[in-house]
Amino acid sequence: YDAILCDLRMPDLDGAELYRLLERTAPAAASRIVFMSGGAVGAQPPAGRPLLEKPFTEAALRAAIERARATSSADPA
């Protein structure tokens, strides 16, 4: 996949926890994450990953995916 869209706030396992898990077990997947947030106060994606604020436009989604692809292509994993 070019990108993995993940909400920052989810039950049981939030986006930041999922990211840390992927960093340990599947670094290439972690480098493709684009986070989404429905306006969570102070929401910050881990490790400078792209963040889309809901609702977002198609143009914003495409730009975030391109940022994720650029980052993941720079990773040696």
PDB file of N, CA and C in Angstrom:
ATOM      1  N   TYR A   1       0.829  -1.176   0.000  1.00  0.00           N
ATOM      2  CA  TYR A   1       0.000   0.000   0.000  1.00  0.00           C
ATOM      3  C   TYR A   1       0.871   1.236   0.000  1.00  0.00           C
ATOM      4  N   ASP A   2       0.391   2.287  -0.662  1.00  0.00           N
ATOM      5  CA  ASP A   2       1.106   3.555  -0.652  1.00  0.00           C
ATOM      6  C   ASP A   2       0.999   4.246   0.694  1.00  0.00           C
ATOM      7  N   ALA A   3      -0.151   4.069   1.347  1.00  0.00           N
ATOM      8  CA  ALA A   3      -0.370   4.717   2.639  1.00  0.00           C
ATOM      9  C   ALA A   3      -1.347   3.896   3.465  1.00  0.00           C
ATOM     10  N   ILE A   4      -1.246   4.082   4.776  1.00  0.00           N
ATOM     11  CA  ILE A   4      -2.165   3.467   5.721  1.00  0.00           C
ATOM     12  C   ILE A   4      -2.834   4.611   6.470  1.00  0.00           C
ATOM     13  N   LEU A   5      -4.149   4.732   6.349  1.00  0.00           N
ATOM     14  CA  LEU A   5      -4.886   5.770   7.063  1.00  0.00           C
ATOM     15  C   LEU A   5      -5.288   5.225   8.422  1.00  0.00           C
ATOM     16  N   CYS A   6      -4.980   5.987   9.452  1.00  0.00           N
ATOM     17  CA  CYS A   6      -5.223   5.525  10.816  1.00  0.00           C
ATOM     18  C   CYS A   6      -5.720   6.692  11.660  1.00  0.00           C
ATOM     19  N   ASP A   7      -6.817   6.475  12.371  1.00  0.00           N
ATOM     20  CA  ASP A   7      -7.313   7.505  13.272  1.00  0.00           C
ATOM     21  C   ASP A   7      -6.417   7.548  14.503  1.00  0.00           C
ATOM     22  N   LEU A   8      -6.221   8.741  15.054  1.00  0.00           N
ATOM     23  CA  LEU A   8      -5.436   8.858  16.286  1.00  0.00           C
ATOM     24  C   LEU A   8      -6.200   8.318  17.482  1.00  0.00           C
ATOM     25  N   ARG A   9      -7.516   8.476  17.475  1.00  0.00           N
ATOM     26  CA  ARG A   9      -8.329   8.036  18.611  1.00  0.00           C
ATOM     27  C   ARG A   9      -9.161   6.842  18.192  1.00  0.00           C
ATOM     28  N   MET A  10      -8.852   5.710  18.797  1.00  0.00           N
ATOM     29  CA  MET A  10      -9.582   4.472  18.545  1.00  0.00           C
ATOM     30  C   MET A  10      -9.727   3.748  19.880  1.00  0.00           C
ATOM     31  N   PRO A  11     -10.748   2.903  20.012  1.00  0.00           N
ATOM     32  CA  PRO A  11     -10.877   2.142  21.260  1.00  0.00           C
ATOM     33  C   PRO A  11      -9.792   1.070  21.355  1.00  0.00           C
ATOM     34  N   ASP A  12      -9.393   0.763  22.535  1.00  0.00           N
ATOM     35  CA  ASP A  12      -8.454  -0.316  22.848  1.00  0.00           C
ATOM     36  C   ASP A  12      -7.012  -0.029  22.440  1.00  0.00           C
ATOM     37  N   LEU A  13      -6.771   0.384  21.219  1.00  0.00           N
ATOM     38  CA  LEU A  13      -5.408   0.639  20.738  1.00  0.00           C
ATOM     39  C   LEU A  13      -5.453   1.929  19.936  1.00  0.00           C
ATOM     40  N   ASP A  14      -4.904   3.026  20.488  1.00  0.00           N
ATOM     41  CA  ASP A  14      -4.976   4.277  19.747  1.00  0.00           C
ATOM     42  C   ASP A  14      -3.911   4.319  18.657  1.00  0.00           C
ATOM     43  N   GLY A  15      -3.993   5.320  17.811  1.00  0.00           N
ATOM     44  CA  GLY A  15      -3.095   5.420  16.667  1.00  0.00           C
ATOM     45  C   GLY A  15      -1.624   5.473  17.046  1.00  0.00           C
ATOM     46  N   ALA A  16      -1.301   6.209  18.101  1.00  0.00           N
ATOM     47  CA  ALA A  16       0.098   6.307  18.532  1.00  0.00           C
ATOM     48  C   ALA A  16       0.630   4.952  18.981  1.00  0.00           C
ATOM     49  N   GLU A  17      -0.193   4.196  19.704  1.00  0.00           N
ATOM     50  CA  GLU A  17       0.221   2.858  20.143  1.00  0.00           C
ATOM     51  C   GLU A  17       0.409   1.928  18.945  1.00  0.00           C
ATOM     52  N   LEU A  18      -0.504   2.009  17.988  1.00  0.00           N
ATOM     53  CA  LEU A  18      -0.373   1.197  16.774  1.00  0.00           C
ATOM     54  C   LEU A  18       0.912   1.552  16.042  1.00  0.00           C
ATOM     55  N   TYR A  19       1.215   2.831  15.944  1.00  0.00           N
ATOM     56  CA  TYR A  19       2.437   3.275  15.271  1.00  0.00           C
ATOM     57  C   TYR A  19       3.674   2.687  15.960  1.00  0.00           C
ATOM     58  N   ARG A  20       3.719   2.778  17.282  1.00  0.00           N
ATOM     59  CA  ARG A  20       4.880   2.234  18.022  1.00  0.00           C
ATOM     60  C   ARG A  20       5.010   0.722  17.813  1.00  0.00           C
ATOM     61  N   LEU A  21       3.881   0.027  17.793  1.00  0.00           N
ATOM     62  CA  LEU A  21       3.892  -1.410  17.533  1.00  0.00           C
ATOM     63  C   LEU A  21       4.445  -1.700  16.136  1.00  0.00           C
ATOM     64  N   LEU A  22       3.983  -0.946  15.148  1.00  0.00           N
ATOM     65  CA  LEU A  22       4.469  -1.151  13.781  1.00  0.00           C
ATOM     66  C   LEU A  22       5.944  -0.794  13.638  1.00  0.00           C
ATOM     67  N   GLU A  23       6.398   0.219  14.356  1.00  0.00           N
ATOM     68  CA  GLU A  23       7.828   0.566  14.315  1.00  0.00           C
ATOM     69  C   GLU A  23       8.685  -0.630  14.715  1.00  0.00           C
ATOM     70  N   ARG A  24       8.217  -1.383  15.710  1.00  0.00           N
ATOM     71  CA  ARG A  24       8.974  -2.549  16.186  1.00  0.00           C
ATOM     72  C   ARG A  24       8.818  -3.755  15.276  1.00  0.00           C
ATOM     73  N   THR A  25       7.630  -3.959  14.727  1.00  0.00           N
ATOM     74  CA  THR A  25       7.339  -5.205  14.021  1.00  0.00           C
ATOM     75  C   THR A  25       7.307  -5.087  12.502  1.00  0.00           C
ATOM     76  N   ALA A  26       6.993  -3.893  11.996  1.00  0.00           N
ATOM     77  CA  ALA A  26       6.875  -3.701  10.545  1.00  0.00           C
ATOM     78  C   ALA A  26       7.225  -2.251  10.198  1.00  0.00           C
ATOM     79  N   PRO A  27       8.514  -1.893  10.304  1.00  0.00           N
ATOM     80  CA  PRO A  27       8.918  -0.500  10.103  1.00  0.00           C
ATOM     81  C   PRO A  27       8.495   0.082   8.755  1.00  0.00           C
ATOM     82  N   ALA A  28       8.475  -0.727   7.713  1.00  0.00           N
ATOM     83  CA  ALA A  28       8.064  -0.213   6.401  1.00  0.00           C
ATOM     84  C   ALA A  28       6.601   0.227   6.437  1.00  0.00           C
ATOM     85  N   ALA A  29       5.770  -0.500   7.145  1.00  0.00           N
ATOM     86  CA  ALA A  29       4.360  -0.121   7.278  1.00  0.00           C
ATOM     87  C   ALA A  29       4.226   1.144   8.119  1.00  0.00           C
ATOM     88  N   ALA A  30       4.997   1.241   9.184  1.00  0.00           N
ATOM     89  CA  ALA A  30       4.942   2.425  10.049  1.00  0.00           C
ATOM     90  C   ALA A  30       5.283   3.683   9.267  1.00  0.00           C
ATOM     91  N   SER A  31       6.194   3.570   8.324  1.00  0.00           N
ATOM     92  CA  SER A  31       6.605   4.745   7.552  1.00  0.00           C
ATOM     93  C   SER A  31       5.537   5.203   6.565  1.00  0.00           C
ATOM     94  N   ARG A  32       4.477   4.412   6.396  1.00  0.00           N
ATOM     95  CA  ARG A  32       3.407   4.759   5.446  1.00  0.00           C
ATOM     96  C   ARG A  32       2.144   5.290   6.120  1.00  0.00           C
ATOM     97  N   ILE A  33       2.164   5.432   7.435  1.00  0.00           N
ATOM     98  CA  ILE A  33       0.954   5.847   8.146  1.00  0.00           C
ATOM     99  C   ILE A  33       0.666   7.327   7.945  1.00  0.00           C
ATOM    100  N   VAL A  34      -0.592   7.614   7.659  1.00  0.00           N
ATOM    101  CA  VAL A  34      -1.142   8.963   7.647  1.00  0.00           C
ATOM    102  C   VAL A  34      -2.222   8.960   8.722  1.00  0.00           C
ATOM    103  N   PHE A  35      -2.093   9.826   9.703  1.00  0.00           N
ATOM    104  CA  PHE A  35      -3.058   9.879  10.785  1.00  0.00           C
ATOM    105  C   PHE A  35      -4.204  10.817  10.451  1.00  0.00           C
ATOM    106  N   MET A  36      -5.369  10.503  11.024  1.00  0.00           N
ATOM    107  CA  MET A  36      -6.557  11.332  10.903  1.00  0.00           C
ATOM    108  C   MET A  36      -7.030  11.663  12.314  1.00  0.00           C
ATOM    109  N   SER A  37      -7.674  12.823  12.435  1.00  0.00           N
ATOM    110  CA  SER A  37      -8.227  13.209  13.724  1.00  0.00           C
ATOM    111  C   SER A  37      -9.491  14.017  13.507  1.00  0.00           C
ATOM    112  N   GLY A  38     -10.470  13.753  14.323  1.00  0.00           N
ATOM    113  CA  GLY A  38     -11.720  14.490  14.263  1.00  0.00           C
ATOM    114  C   GLY A  38     -11.703  15.702  15.165  1.00  0.00           C
ATOM    115  N   GLY A  39     -10.568  16.337  15.292  1.00  0.00           N
ATOM    116  CA  GLY A  39     -10.477  17.549  16.098  1.00  0.00           C
ATOM    117  C   GLY A  39     -10.111  17.302  17.540  1.00  0.00           C
ATOM    118  N   ALA A  40      -9.439  16.203  17.822  1.00  0.00           N
ATOM    119  CA  ALA A  40      -8.992  15.936  19.191  1.00  0.00           C
ATOM    120  C   ALA A  40      -8.067  17.058  19.638  1.00  0.00           C
ATOM    121  N   VAL A  41      -8.394  17.659  20.756  1.00  0.00           N
ATOM    122  CA  VAL A  41      -7.612  18.778  21.259  1.00  0.00           C
ATOM    123  C   VAL A  41      -6.182  18.330  21.515  1.00  0.00           C
ATOM    124  N   GLY A  42      -5.237  19.030  20.935  1.00  0.00           N
ATOM    125  CA  GLY A  42      -3.828  18.719  21.130  1.00  0.00           C
ATOM    126  C   GLY A  42      -3.358  17.466  20.429  1.00  0.00           C
ATOM    127  N   ALA A  43      -4.141  16.951  19.499  1.00  0.00           N
ATOM    128  CA  ALA A  43      -3.750  15.725  18.795  1.00  0.00           C
ATOM    129  C   ALA A  43      -2.475  15.966  18.007  1.00  0.00           C
ATOM    130  N   GLN A  44      -1.500  15.169  18.282  1.00  0.00           N
ATOM    131  CA  GLN A  44      -0.224  15.247  17.569  1.00  0.00           C
ATOM    132  C   GLN A  44       0.163  13.853  17.107  1.00  0.00           C
ATOM    133  N   PRO A  45       0.389  13.689  15.823  1.00  0.00           N
ATOM    134  CA  PRO A  45       0.810  12.371  15.357  1.00  0.00           C
ATOM    135  C   PRO A  45       2.243  12.087  15.786  1.00  0.00           C
ATOM    136  N   PRO A  46       2.560  10.840  16.044  1.00  0.00           N
ATOM    137  CA  PRO A  46       3.927  10.497  16.434  1.00  0.00           C
ATOM    138  C   PRO A  46       4.902  10.661  15.282  1.00  0.00           C
ATOM    139  N   ALA A  47       6.126  10.982  15.638  1.00  0.00           N
ATOM    140  CA  ALA A  47       7.258  10.998  14.699  1.00  0.00           C
ATOM    141  C   ALA A  47       7.029  11.869  13.471  1.00  0.00           C
ATOM    142  N   GLY A  48       6.241  12.927  13.623  1.00  0.00           N
ATOM    143  CA  GLY A  48       6.052  13.843  12.501  1.00  0.00           C
ATOM    144  C   GLY A  48       5.277  13.272  11.327  1.00  0.00           C
ATOM    145  N   ARG A  49       4.497  12.224  11.563  1.00  0.00           N
ATOM    146  CA  ARG A  49       3.691  11.644  10.491  1.00  0.00           C
ATOM    147  C   ARG A  49       2.632  12.644  10.058  1.00  0.00           C
ATOM    148  N   PRO A  50       2.185  12.578   8.800  1.00  0.00           N
ATOM    149  CA  PRO A  50       1.145  13.493   8.328  1.00  0.00           C
ATOM    150  C   PRO A  50      -0.145  13.340   9.139  1.00  0.00           C
ATOM    151  N   LEU A  51      -0.857  14.462   9.320  1.00  0.00           N
ATOM    152  CA  LEU A  51      -2.116  14.463  10.046  1.00  0.00           C
ATOM    153  C   LEU A  51      -3.184  15.145   9.208  1.00  0.00           C
ATOM    154  N   LEU A  52      -4.281  14.463   9.011  1.00  0.00           N
ATOM    155  CA  LEU A  52      -5.446  15.021   8.329  1.00  0.00           C
ATOM    156  C   LEU A  52      -6.505  15.339   9.371  1.00  0.00           C
ATOM    157  N   GLU A  53      -6.984  16.574   9.386  1.00  0.00           N
ATOM    158  CA  GLU A  53      -8.075  16.953  10.274  1.00  0.00           C
ATOM    159  C   GLU A  53      -9.386  16.675   9.567  1.00  0.00           C
ATOM    160  N   LYS A  54     -10.287  15.949  10.226  1.00  0.00           N
ATOM    161  CA  LYS A  54     -11.593  15.649   9.657  1.00  0.00           C
ATOM    162  C   LYS A  54     -12.505  16.855   9.831  1.00  0.00           C
ATOM    163  N   PRO A  55     -13.367  17.134   8.902  1.00  0.00           N
ATOM    164  CA  PRO A  55     -13.425  16.510   7.582  1.00  0.00           C
ATOM    165  C   PRO A  55     -12.302  17.061   6.717  1.00  0.00           C
ATOM    166  N   PHE A  56     -11.788  16.260   5.819  1.00  0.00           N
ATOM    167  CA  PHE A  56     -10.710  16.702   4.949  1.00  0.00           C
ATOM    168  C   PHE A  56     -11.148  16.576   3.496  1.00  0.00           C
ATOM    169  N   THR A  57     -10.453  17.323   2.660  1.00  0.00           N
ATOM    170  CA  THR A  57     -10.767  17.323   1.234  1.00  0.00           C
ATOM    171  C   THR A  57      -9.971  16.227   0.530  1.00  0.00           C
ATOM    172  N   GLU A  58     -10.394  15.918  -0.668  1.00  0.00           N
ATOM    173  CA  GLU A  58      -9.652  14.953  -1.470  1.00  0.00           C
ATOM    174  C   GLU A  58      -8.235  15.462  -1.734  1.00  0.00           C
ATOM    175  N   ALA A  59      -8.102  16.760  -1.972  1.00  0.00           N
ATOM    176  CA  ALA A  59      -6.777  17.337  -2.221  1.00  0.00           C
ATOM    177  C   ALA A  59      -5.866  17.172  -1.002  1.00  0.00           C
ATOM    178  N   ALA A  60      -6.417  17.386   0.199  1.00  0.00           N
ATOM    179  CA  ALA A  60      -5.620  17.216   1.418  1.00  0.00           C
ATOM    180  C   ALA A  60      -5.223  15.752   1.599  1.00  0.00           C
ATOM    181  N   LEU A  61      -6.138  14.838   1.294  1.00  0.00           N
ATOM    182  CA  LEU A  61      -5.830  13.411   1.383  1.00  0.00           C
ATOM    183  C   LEU A  61      -4.717  13.044   0.417  1.00  0.00           C
ATOM    184  N   ARG A  62      -4.829  13.493  -0.806  1.00  0.00           N
ATOM    185  CA  ARG A  62      -3.790  13.187  -1.806  1.00  0.00           C
ATOM    186  C   ARG A  62      -2.428  13.750  -1.379  1.00  0.00           C
ATOM    187  N   ALA A  63      -2.417  14.965  -0.849  1.00  0.00           N
ATOM    188  CA  ALA A  63      -1.157  15.578  -0.403  1.00  0.00           C
ATOM    189  C   ALA A  63      -0.545  14.782   0.753  1.00  0.00           C
ATOM    190  N   ALA A  64      -1.371  14.350   1.691  1.00  0.00           N
ATOM    191  CA  ALA A  64      -0.865  13.574   2.827  1.00  0.00           C
ATOM    192  C   ALA A  64      -0.311  12.227   2.365  1.00  0.00           C
ATOM    193  N   ILE A  65      -0.976  11.596   1.416  1.00  0.00           N
ATOM    194  CA  ILE A  65      -0.487  10.320   0.881  1.00  0.00           C
ATOM    195  C   ILE A  65       0.844  10.526   0.178  1.00  0.00           C
ATOM    196  N   GLU A  66       0.968  11.601  -0.564  1.00  0.00           N
ATOM    197  CA  GLU A  66       2.249  11.887  -1.231  1.00  0.00           C
ATOM    198  C   GLU A  66       3.361  12.111  -0.207  1.00  0.00           C
ATOM    199  N   ARG A  67       3.051  12.820   0.906  1.00  0.00           N
ATOM    200  CA  ARG A  67       4.057  13.009   1.960  1.00  0.00           C
ATOM    201  C   ARG A  67       4.454  11.668   2.559  1.00  0.00           C
ATOM    202  N   ALA A  68       3.477  10.799   2.790  1.00  0.00           N
ATOM    203  CA  ALA A  68       3.779   9.475   3.354  1.00  0.00           C
ATOM    204  C   ALA A  68       4.616   8.657   2.379  1.00  0.00           C
ATOM    205  N   ARG A  69       4.289   8.707   1.105  1.00  0.00           N
ATOM    206  CA  ARG A  69       5.046   7.957   0.099  1.00  0.00           C
ATOM    207  C   ARG A  69       6.476   8.469   0.015  1.00  0.00           C
ATOM    208  N   ALA A  70       6.657   9.775   0.072  1.00  0.00           N
ATOM    209  CA  ALA A  70       7.995  10.356   0.009  1.00  0.00           C
ATOM    210  C   ALA A  70       8.832   9.915   1.200  1.00  0.00           C
ATOM    211  N   THR A  71       8.210   9.895   2.363  1.00  0.00           N
ATOM    212  CA  THR A  71       8.921   9.466   3.573  1.00  0.00           C
ATOM    213  C   THR A  71       9.262   7.996   3.521  1.00  0.00           C
ATOM    214  N   SER A  72       8.300   7.177   3.088  1.00  0.00           N
ATOM    215  CA  SER A  72       8.560   5.736   3.083  1.00  0.00           C
ATOM    216  C   SER A  72       9.588   5.358   2.026  1.00  0.00           C
ATOM    217  N   SER A  73       9.657   6.086   0.907  1.00  0.00           N
ATOM    218  CA  SER A  73      10.648   5.774  -0.108  1.00  0.00           C
ATOM    219  C   SER A  73      12.060   6.159   0.352  1.00  0.00           C
ATOM    220  N   ALA A  74      12.133   7.075   1.330  1.00  0.00           N
ATOM    221  CA  ALA A  74      13.431   7.463   1.868  1.00  0.00           C
ATOM    222  C   ALA A  74      13.937   6.459   2.894  1.00  0.00           C
ATOM    223  N   ASP A  75      13.042   5.642   3.440  1.00  0.00           N
ATOM    224  CA  ASP A  75      13.419   4.646   4.429  1.00  0.00           C
ATOM    225  C   ASP A  75      14.057   3.436   3.752  1.00  0.00           C
ATOM    226  N   PRO A  76      15.133   2.891   4.312  1.00  0.00           N
ATOM    227  CA  PRO A  76      15.767   1.724   3.715  1.00  0.00           C
ATOM    228  C   PRO A  76      14.986   0.442   3.886  1.00  0.00           C
ATOM    229  N   ALA A  77      13.973   0.427   4.787  1.00  0.00           N
ATOM    230  CA  ALA A  77      13.229  -0.810   5.084  1.00  0.00           C
ATOM    231  C   ALA A  77      12.439  -1.316   3.957  1.00  0.00           C
TER     232      ALA A  77
END
